[in-house]
Amino acid sequence: GLSQYSSDPRTEWELSAYSTRDQVLEAVRNLRYKGGNTFTGLALTHVLEQNLKPEAGARLEAEKLVILLTDGKSQDDANLAAQTLKNLGIEIFAIGVKNADEAELKQVASEPLELTVYNVLDFPLLSSLVGRLTRVLCTRIKEKSNKENAGSTVKDIPVNTGPQLSPTDLKISAVTSKSMHLTWSPPLRPPKKYRIVYYPSKGGIPKEVVLDGAVSSLQLSNLTSHTEYLVSVFPIYDTVVGDGLRGVTSTLPLSSPRSLRVSELSHNSMRLSWKAAQGATQYLVLCSAAPDGAED
């Protein structure tokens, strides 16, 4: 399976999409590169929630491996999301290119780091990793499979966390041009933390807030006026991420000045007056002559 990410992760194909090597290679050849920001934490959460579920082709008895390929430092908390995956027995390999942050790669990757962290100076050099990485991946799968067959327990990703671990009833209220208030009903089992992600639906940099699990409301501020926002609330537990709550709403437009009046006209002056726009701190007044009038 493969997902690309920038500010919004996108599944290119699921684990169950192709059944032959040639089909996978053809899909890779047809892949369109997705440019943009580097929100690695959001991408890892996407993989856990969307790509590593049985309905996407993930078999509960199979080993779970995630290979992260990145060319930059994450603009959100990649470590928290990576730790959630690792706590579930999912192994993460981190490959950095160009401007990747090696310290972050080591934080995100599973142990032992000498087998799971790779860094190259440019994209063409990735080809030099293929042989070694293939051998390491196959060996790790065999080792883990042998341990499982010997009777050790392997943590499975829950098929459906349900109301036990998932919040419900997201309400968005007190919407203004710059802010909105979120409330939700907590799950039956309180989470350790909540991760709230919000961003403009037509493209924009996602922002996130991490809250204590005892809190179930949040005021979002410093928003852009007259803009539709997507909001997601994820409950974070020690070993699992519950199903996220999602909502969408638009901030209000900024208020306008009204009732423009002209008075005290003379041969070279006039007085303008208007009803104030709520929240305005300054006004910009533009004046020019009509097309067939005098000079500006």
Foldseek 3Di string as FASTA:
>chain_A
DDWDDALAIGDLAAPPPDDDPVVVVVSVVVDDDDDHHAAQLNNLVCCLVPHCAVVRPHDQLAAAEAEAEEAEEHPDPNLQSLQLCVLQRYFYAYEYEAHYDQVVRQSNGDPPNVLRYYYDHHDVCVVVCVVSNVVSVVVVRVVVNVVVVVPDDHGGADNAPPLQQEWDDWDWDPFAQFKIKIFIGGGVDQAQKKKKWKDFPVDDRIDIDIGGSVDGMDMGGRHHGFTKMKMKIWGHHSHHIHDIDIDIDHHHHFFDWDDWDWADDDPPDIDIDTHDGPPDPDDDDDDADDPPDDHD
